[in-house]
Amino acid sequence: MFSRKEDAVAETYLWFYGSREGNGEVARQILTNLVEKLQSATFVKIDTLTPLAVTPNPYEAALRQLDIAAEKLKLDPGIHEILKRPMRTLIVNIPVVMDDGSIQVFTGYRVQYNDALGPTKGGIRYHPELTLDEVTALAAWMTWKTAVVGLPLGGAKGGIRCNPKEMSKGELERLTRGYVRAIAKFIGPYVDVPAPDVYTDAQTMAWIMDEYSEIVGYPAFGVVTGKPVSVGGSRGRSEATSRGLMYTVMEAAKYLGINLKGATVAVQGYGNVGYHAARLLHEVGCKIIAVSDSKGGIYNPNGLDPEKVLEHKNRTGSVVDYPESTFITNEQLLELECDILVPAALENQITKANADKIKAKIVAEGANGPTT
């Protein structure tokens, strides 16, 4: 069964275990088990394999965007080099006592990319697949965004690698407060101001503000944005991103000659941005034909009621199985025949692999970096 090369490998195993452990029988048993597995395995020639799809690195994507902009702007090479790297990167480990009494340690990040224009600004996300490269890219994008619109702010981003869907409210509070204690020396109203992002909300910001205030010894309302109105938050903050998206869609539709009355919309992601985008577009006459969350999507060519879909999600934990709808995957949603597509989930959703399958006339990005 073995080729000559495989025979040599097997012989090496036998020598290694036999000589090091003094037990050739152990090695023979290992090889016997290996042979049994190989006999039942299916093999293909390596040169016939299709290359594995590699998820684009968001930080590399951000740097490519910077390179393109630098060339067009004839940016000073020294400034270009500065903007390729974050000013400060924090990696912290946060021990949390779980509800069952055990202790788990979570890794958190805060990247302060550039503060040339003012205090750094950017959200905090909780996600089980969060990486430092992702956070760095998001911090870079915040730097570009605040600069382009003329805000006196720099760019930052943060997050914790965790699965908030599997954690209780008490565990999330302890995790959040631990994160604040770990980064407190590096944030503040005139230094770095966090905000909500994926799987964080006004409650999360309230915990951050309270913990930071305890540390500094006075009420620090300005340490975060996106907090509840009752503790100094701004009215309209929860739907601000989606309202900006709606205005952008209205202008794009006007330019393209698309009548929004009856225009079909598909929304990927039904969190804060996705829900409000669906609701606001529905209010101006659009027909929401599909929405999705991390568990899958729903489709109804006759239209969906955003409020009722949200009620269903709050009751069941997902938009999936909503009455009078057909299940679709997130990938299928992106490729639907529609007038407006709103990617409002995570990065890297529209790539080289599926870009030519997108049929929407307008792609309105509600997420950070959904298009590579």
Protein backbone atom coordinates (compact mmCIF):
# COMPACT_ATOMS: atom_id res chain seq x y z
CA MET A 1 0.00 0.00 0.00
CA PHE A 2 2.85 2.41 0.82
CA SER A 3 5.08 3.98 -1.81
CA ARG A 4 8.83 3.91 -1.15
CA LYS A 5 8.62 7.35 0.46
CA GLU A 6 5.80 6.24 2.75
CA ASP A 7 7.74 3.10 3.66
CA ALA A 8 10.61 5.31 4.74
CA VAL A 9 8.31 7.45 6.87
CA ALA A 10 6.82 4.36 8.51
CA GLU A 11 10.29 2.96 9.15
CA THR A 12 11.32 6.25 10.75
CA TYR A 13 8.32 6.08 13.10
CA LEU A 14 9.26 2.55 14.05
CA TRP A 15 12.86 3.54 14.75
CA PHE A 16 11.85 6.66 16.68
CA TYR A 17 9.40 4.99 19.03
CA GLY A 18 11.37 1.78 19.31
CA SER A 19 14.67 3.44 20.14
CA ARG A 20 13.45 6.36 22.27
CA GLU A 21 10.84 4.47 24.25
CA GLY A 22 12.45 1.08 24.06
CA ASN A 23 9.14 -0.33 22.95
CA GLY A 24 8.88 -1.41 19.33
CA GLU A 25 5.49 -2.96 20.06
CA VAL A 26 4.03 0.51 20.74
CA ALA A 27 5.31 1.72 17.39
CA ARG A 28 3.94 -1.33 15.60
CA GLN A 29 0.51 -0.75 17.15
CA ILE A 30 0.55 2.91 16.08
CA LEU A 31 1.48 1.91 12.54
CA THR A 32 -1.20 -0.79 12.46
CA ASN A 33 -3.85 1.79 13.38
CA LEU A 34 -2.44 4.15 10.77
CA VAL A 35 -2.59 1.48 8.07
CA GLU A 36 -6.23 0.70 8.92
CA LYS A 37 -7.15 4.38 8.58
CA LEU A 38 -5.24 4.73 5.32
CA GLN A 39 -6.95 1.67 3.84
CA SER A 40 -10.38 3.24 4.39
CA ALA A 41 -9.34 6.72 3.27
CA THR A 42 -9.97 8.33 -0.10
CA PHE A 43 -6.96 9.83 -1.86
CA VAL A 44 -6.63 12.37 -4.64
CA LYS A 45 -3.59 13.63 -6.45
CA ILE A 46 -2.43 16.89 -4.94
CA ASP A 47 -2.16 18.55 -8.35
CA THR A 48 -5.89 18.00 -8.97
CA LEU A 49 -7.03 19.83 -5.86
CA THR A 50 -8.84 23.14 -6.19
CA PRO A 51 -7.00 25.82 -4.18
CA LEU A 52 -8.66 26.47 -0.85
CA ALA A 53 -10.54 29.76 -0.53
CA VAL A 54 -8.61 32.12 1.71
CA THR A 55 -10.47 34.76 3.68
CA PRO A 56 -9.00 38.13 2.69
CA ASN A 57 -7.00 39.82 5.44
CA PRO A 58 -8.85 43.06 6.26
CA TYR A 59 -5.68 44.88 7.33
CA GLU A 60 -4.01 44.05 4.02
CA ALA A 61 -7.13 45.33 2.24
CA ALA A 62 -6.96 48.59 4.21
CA LEU A 63 -3.29 49.01 3.28
CA ARG A 64 -4.07 48.44 -0.40
CA GLN A 65 -6.72 51.15 -0.20
CA LEU A 66 -4.17 53.45 1.43
CA ASP A 67 -1.64 52.76 -1.32
CA ILE A 68 -4.20 53.64 -4.02
CA ALA A 69 -5.20 56.85 -2.26
CA ALA A 70 -1.56 57.81 -1.60
CA GLU A 71 -0.73 57.44 -5.28
CA LYS A 72 -3.71 59.54 -6.40
CA LEU A 73 -2.97 62.22 -3.80
CA LYS A 74 0.79 62.13 -4.44
CA LEU A 75 1.14 61.74 -0.68
CA ASP A 76 4.49 62.45 0.92
CA PRO A 77 6.31 59.07 1.27
CA GLY A 78 7.06 59.75 4.93
CA ILE A 79 3.40 60.41 5.76
CA HIS A 80 2.47 57.30 3.77
CA GLU A 81 4.81 55.21 5.92
CA ILE A 82 3.34 56.66 9.12
CA LEU A 83 -0.20 55.82 8.01
CA LYS A 84 0.72 52.20 7.25
CA ARG A 85 1.13 51.42 10.94
CA PRO A 86 -1.00 51.92 14.05
CA MET A 87 0.19 54.39 16.66
CA ARG A 88 -0.53 52.00 19.54
CA THR A 89 -1.72 48.40 19.85
CA LEU A 90 -2.97 46.99 23.15
CA ILE A 91 -3.44 43.26 23.74
CA VAL A 92 -4.91 42.36 27.11
CA ASN A 93 -5.96 39.14 28.82
CA ILE A 94 -9.09 39.35 30.93
CA PRO A 95 -9.88 36.73 33.60
CA VAL A 96 -13.61 36.32 34.19
CA VAL A 97 -15.41 34.33 36.87
CA MET A 98 -18.16 32.49 35.01
CA ASP A 99 -21.57 31.69 36.45
CA ASP A 100 -20.52 28.12 37.27
CA GLY A 101 -17.57 29.35 39.35
CA SER A 102 -14.91 28.51 36.78
CA ILE A 103 -12.46 31.10 35.48
CA GLN A 104 -11.99 31.79 31.79
CA VAL A 105 -9.42 34.14 30.30
CA PHE A 106 -10.45 36.19 27.26
CA THR A 107 -8.19 38.15 24.91
CA GLY A 108 -9.05 41.76 24.20
CA TYR A 109 -7.64 44.36 21.82
CA ARG A 110 -7.60 48.13 21.46
CA VAL A 111 -5.84 49.66 18.47
CA GLN A 112 -5.34 53.43 18.44
CA TYR A 113 -4.34 53.99 14.85
CA ASN A 114 -3.68 57.72 14.59
CA ASP A 115 -4.49 60.78 16.71
CA ALA A 116 -3.10 63.56 14.50
CA LEU A 117 -6.54 65.20 14.26
CA GLY A 118 -7.70 64.62 17.83
CA PRO A 119 -8.70 61.91 20.33
CA THR A 120 -9.07 58.50 18.71
CA LYS A 121 -12.61 57.23 18.16
CA GLY A 122 -14.00 53.80 17.35
CA GLY A 123 -16.25 50.98 18.44
CA ILE A 124 -15.78 47.84 20.51
CA ARG A 125 -16.98 44.51 19.15
CA TYR A 126 -17.42 41.10 20.78
CA HIS A 127 -17.00 38.16 18.42
CA PRO A 128 -15.66 34.59 18.68
CA GLU A 129 -13.50 34.97 15.55
CA LEU A 130 -12.12 38.43 16.23
CA THR A 131 -8.46 38.93 15.22
CA LEU A 132 -5.90 41.65 15.76
CA ASP A 133 -5.66 42.23 11.99
CA GLU A 134 -9.42 42.80 11.86
CA VAL A 135 -9.29 45.31 14.70
CA THR A 136 -6.30 47.09 13.13
CA ALA A 137 -8.10 47.40 9.79
CA LEU A 138 -11.20 48.78 11.48
CA ALA A 139 -9.07 51.32 13.36
CA ALA A 140 -7.43 52.39 10.09
CA TRP A 141 -10.83 52.79 8.42
CA MET A 142 -12.03 54.91 11.35
CA THR A 143 -8.97 57.12 10.82
CA TRP A 144 -9.85 57.63 7.14
CA LYS A 145 -13.54 58.23 7.88
CA THR A 146 -13.10 60.87 10.57
CA ALA A 147 -10.51 62.67 8.42
CA VAL A 148 -12.57 62.61 5.21
CA VAL A 149 -15.62 64.19 6.86
CA GLY A 150 -13.53 66.75 8.73
CA LEU A 151 -14.09 65.61 12.32
CA PRO A 152 -11.47 66.60 14.91
CA LEU A 153 -10.92 62.95 15.78
CA GLY A 154 -8.50 60.15 15.07
CA GLY A 155 -9.30 56.48 14.53
CA ALA A 156 -9.38 53.50 16.88
CA LYS A 157 -11.14 50.16 17.32
CA GLY A 158 -11.32 47.50 19.98
CA GLY A 159 -12.88 44.21 20.86
CA ILE A 160 -12.82 40.97 22.76
CA ARG A 161 -12.58 37.48 21.32
CA CYS A 162 -15.62 35.82 22.91
CA ASN A 163 -19.01 34.40 22.01
CA PRO A 164 -21.57 36.71 23.64
CA LYS A 165 -24.42 34.44 22.53
CA GLU A 166 -23.14 31.79 24.93
CA MET A 167 -22.63 34.14 27.88
CA SER A 168 -25.06 35.41 30.50
CA LYS A 169 -25.64 39.09 31.12
CA GLY A 170 -23.65 38.85 34.34
CA GLU A 171 -20.70 37.22 32.56
CA LEU A 172 -20.75 39.90 29.87
CA GLU A 173 -20.79 42.64 32.49
CA ARG A 174 -17.81 41.14 34.34
CA LEU A 175 -15.97 40.71 31.03
CA THR A 176 -16.67 44.31 30.02
CA ARG A 177 -15.58 45.76 33.35
CA GLY A 178 -12.41 43.64 33.27
CA TYR A 179 -11.64 44.95 29.80
CA VAL A 180 -12.06 48.53 30.99
CA ARG A 181 -9.70 47.96 33.92
CA ALA A 182 -7.12 46.57 31.50
CA ILE A 183 -7.20 49.55 29.10
CA ALA A 184 -8.28 52.39 31.43
CA LYS A 185 -4.88 54.12 31.35
CA PHE A 186 -5.16 54.48 27.58
CA ILE A 187 -8.74 55.75 27.11
CA GLY A 188 -10.65 58.84 28.17
CA PRO A 189 -12.76 61.75 26.82
CA TYR A 190 -9.65 63.53 25.49
CA VAL A 191 -7.63 60.42 24.61
CA ASP A 192 -9.70 57.61 23.09
CA VAL A 193 -13.49 57.30 23.06
CA PRO A 194 -15.06 53.83 22.47
CA ALA A 195 -18.55 53.17 21.07
CA PRO A 196 -20.84 50.19 20.32
CA ASP A 197 -20.14 47.81 17.46
CA VAL A 198 -20.90 44.15 16.67
CA TYR A 199 -22.64 42.45 19.64
CA THR A 200 -22.19 45.47 21.93
CA ASP A 201 -24.83 48.08 22.69
CA ALA A 202 -25.91 50.93 24.96
CA GLN A 203 -25.83 48.62 27.99
CA THR A 204 -22.22 47.69 27.24
CA MET A 205 -21.32 51.38 27.02
CA ALA A 206 -23.06 52.05 30.34
CA TRP A 207 -20.88 49.39 32.00
CA ILE A 208 -17.77 50.92 30.44
CA MET A 209 -18.69 54.42 31.59
CA ASP A 210 -19.52 53.24 35.11
CA GLU A 211 -16.31 51.21 35.51
CA TYR A 212 -14.12 53.96 34.09
CA SER A 213 -15.80 56.53 36.37
CA GLU A 214 -15.07 54.32 39.38
CA ILE A 215 -11.40 54.12 38.35
CA VAL A 216 -10.87 57.87 37.80
CA GLY A 217 -13.01 58.92 40.76
CA TYR A 218 -15.57 61.15 39.02
CA PRO A 219 -18.48 60.75 36.57
CA ALA A 220 -16.85 60.53 33.12
CA PHE A 221 -19.85 60.71 30.81
CA GLY A 222 -17.68 61.52 27.80
CA VAL A 223 -15.58 58.35 27.92
CA VAL A 224 -17.95 56.57 25.50
CA THR A 225 -20.63 57.40 22.96
CA GLY A 226 -23.65 55.24 22.26
CA LYS A 227 -24.62 55.03 25.93
CA PRO A 228 -28.25 55.25 27.13
CA VAL A 229 -29.90 58.67 26.87
CA SER A 230 -30.58 58.52 30.63
CA VAL A 231 -26.83 58.75 31.34
CA GLY A 232 -25.94 61.34 28.73
CA GLY A 233 -26.38 59.48 25.46
CA SER A 234 -27.57 61.17 22.26
CA ARG A 235 -31.11 60.76 20.99
CA GLY A 236 -31.14 59.06 17.60
CA ARG A 237 -27.73 57.45 18.13
CA SER A 238 -29.01 53.88 17.72
CA GLU A 239 -30.26 54.51 14.18
CA ALA A 240 -27.68 57.10 13.09
CA THR A 241 -25.62 54.74 10.91
CA SER A 242 -28.72 53.40 9.19
CA ARG A 243 -30.18 56.86 8.64
CA GLY A 244 -26.97 57.93 6.94
CA LEU A 245 -27.20 54.80 4.79
CA MET A 246 -30.78 55.65 3.87
CA TYR A 247 -29.83 59.18 2.76
CA THR A 248 -27.01 57.73 0.66
CA VAL A 249 -29.40 55.25 -0.97
CA MET A 250 -31.87 58.06 -1.71
CA GLU A 251 -29.19 60.09 -3.48
CA ALA A 252 -27.87 57.05 -5.39
CA ALA A 253 -31.40 56.11 -6.47
CA LYS A 254 -32.02 59.66 -7.68
CA TYR A 255 -28.78 59.58 -9.68
CA LEU A 256 -29.59 56.18 -11.23
CA GLY A 257 -33.24 57.00 -11.87
CA ILE A 258 -34.57 54.32 -9.50
CA ASN A 259 -38.00 54.94 -7.96
CA LEU A 260 -37.78 53.89 -4.31
CA LYS A 261 -41.52 53.25 -4.17
CA GLY A 262 -41.57 49.48 -4.54
CA ALA A 263 -37.79 49.14 -4.99
CA THR A 264 -36.69 45.73 -3.68
CA VAL A 265 -34.17 45.49 -0.85
CA ALA A 266 -32.12 42.62 0.62
CA VAL A 267 -30.39 43.18 3.97
CA GLN A 268 -27.58 40.94 5.18
CA GLY A 269 -27.30 41.23 8.95
CA TYR A 270 -30.23 42.08 11.22
CA GLY A 271 -28.50 43.68 14.15
CA ASN A 272 -28.72 47.36 14.99
CA VAL A 273 -27.65 48.66 11.57
CA GLY A 274 -29.46 46.05 9.49
CA TYR A 275 -32.77 46.33 11.32
CA HIS A 276 -32.88 50.13 11.25
CA ALA A 277 -31.80 50.18 7.59
CA ALA A 278 -34.66 47.82 6.72
CA ARG A 279 -37.14 49.86 8.78
CA LEU A 280 -36.11 53.24 7.35
CA LEU A 281 -36.04 52.03 3.74
CA HIS A 282 -39.43 50.40 4.28
CA GLU A 283 -40.76 53.74 5.56
CA VAL A 284 -39.77 55.51 2.32
CA GLY A 285 -41.60 52.90 0.24
CA CYS A 286 -39.06 50.16 -0.43
CA LYS A 287 -40.06 46.50 -0.35
CA ILE A 288 -37.84 44.43 1.97
CA ILE A 289 -37.71 41.01 0.29
CA ALA A 290 -34.94 39.36 2.32
CA VAL A 291 -33.04 39.73 5.59
CA SER A 292 -30.59 37.50 7.43
CA ASP A 293 -28.58 37.03 10.59
CA SER A 294 -25.75 34.69 11.62
CA LYS A 295 -28.06 31.65 11.52
CA GLY A 296 -29.41 32.22 8.00
CA GLY A 297 -31.88 34.31 6.09
CA ILE A 298 -35.52 34.59 5.05
CA TYR A 299 -37.00 35.54 1.68
CA ASN A 300 -40.44 36.68 0.59
CA PRO A 301 -40.79 38.31 -2.85
CA ASN A 302 -44.02 39.96 -1.66
CA GLY A 303 -42.21 41.79 1.12
CA LEU A 304 -41.39 41.47 4.82
CA ASP A 305 -42.48 43.69 7.71
CA PRO A 306 -39.23 44.80 9.46
CA GLU A 307 -40.94 45.35 12.82
CA LYS A 308 -42.60 41.93 12.84
CA VAL A 309 -39.35 40.27 11.76
CA LEU A 310 -37.58 41.95 14.69
CA GLU A 311 -40.28 40.77 17.09
CA HIS A 312 -39.80 37.22 15.78
CA LYS A 313 -36.02 37.48 16.19
CA ASN A 314 -36.30 38.81 19.74
CA ARG A 315 -38.68 35.98 20.59
CA THR A 316 -36.79 33.09 18.93
CA GLY A 317 -33.20 34.32 18.70
CA SER A 318 -33.10 34.46 14.89
CA VAL A 319 -34.97 35.71 11.84
CA VAL A 320 -35.01 32.11 10.59
CA ASP A 321 -38.42 30.35 10.54
CA TYR A 322 -40.30 33.62 10.23
CA PRO A 323 -43.85 32.82 8.98
CA GLU A 324 -44.59 33.15 5.27
CA SER A 325 -40.94 33.16 4.26
CA THR A 326 -38.46 30.83 2.59
CA PHE A 327 -35.10 29.99 4.14
CA ILE A 328 -32.03 31.21 2.28
CA THR A 329 -28.35 31.32 3.19
CA ASN A 330 -26.39 34.52 3.66
CA GLU A 331 -24.55 33.72 0.45
CA GLN A 332 -27.80 33.33 -1.48
CA LEU A 333 -29.11 36.61 -0.11
CA LEU A 334 -26.15 38.50 -1.56
CA GLU A 335 -26.89 37.14 -5.02
CA LEU A 336 -30.64 37.83 -5.05
CA GLU A 337 -32.28 39.76 -7.86
CA CYS A 338 -32.99 43.09 -6.15
CA ASP A 339 -32.60 46.84 -6.56
CA ILE A 340 -30.71 47.53 -3.34
CA LEU A 341 -28.36 45.26 -1.40
CA VAL A 342 -27.38 46.24 2.14
CA PRO A 343 -24.44 44.23 3.55
CA ALA A 344 -24.74 45.09 7.25
CA ALA A 345 -22.96 42.16 8.88
CA LEU A 346 -19.19 41.60 8.83
CA GLU A 347 -16.20 42.13 6.54
CA ASN A 348 -15.29 40.18 3.40
CA GLN A 349 -18.80 39.36 2.18
CA ILE A 350 -18.48 40.53 -1.43
CA THR A 351 -15.24 39.17 -2.86
CA LYS A 352 -13.64 38.16 -6.13
CA ALA A 353 -15.47 34.83 -5.80
CA ASN A 354 -18.99 36.28 -5.88
CA ALA A 355 -18.74 39.87 -7.14
CA ASP A 356 -19.86 38.93 -10.65
CA LYS A 357 -22.98 37.28 -9.19
CA ILE A 358 -24.25 40.40 -7.42
CA LYS A 359 -27.37 41.60 -9.25
CA ALA A 360 -28.29 44.64 -7.14
CA LYS A 361 -28.20 48.07 -8.79
CA ILE A 362 -27.11 49.72 -5.54
CA VAL A 363 -24.84 48.16 -2.91
CA ALA A 364 -25.16 50.25 0.27
CA GLU A 365 -22.52 49.19 2.79
CA GLY A 366 -23.80 49.22 6.35
CA ALA A 367 -20.95 47.09 7.69
CA ASN A 368 -17.24 47.93 7.85
CA GLY A 369 -15.37 46.57 4.84
CA PRO A 370 -17.98 44.12 3.49
CA THR A 371 -16.49 44.47 0.00
CA THR A 372 -12.88 43.41 -0.53
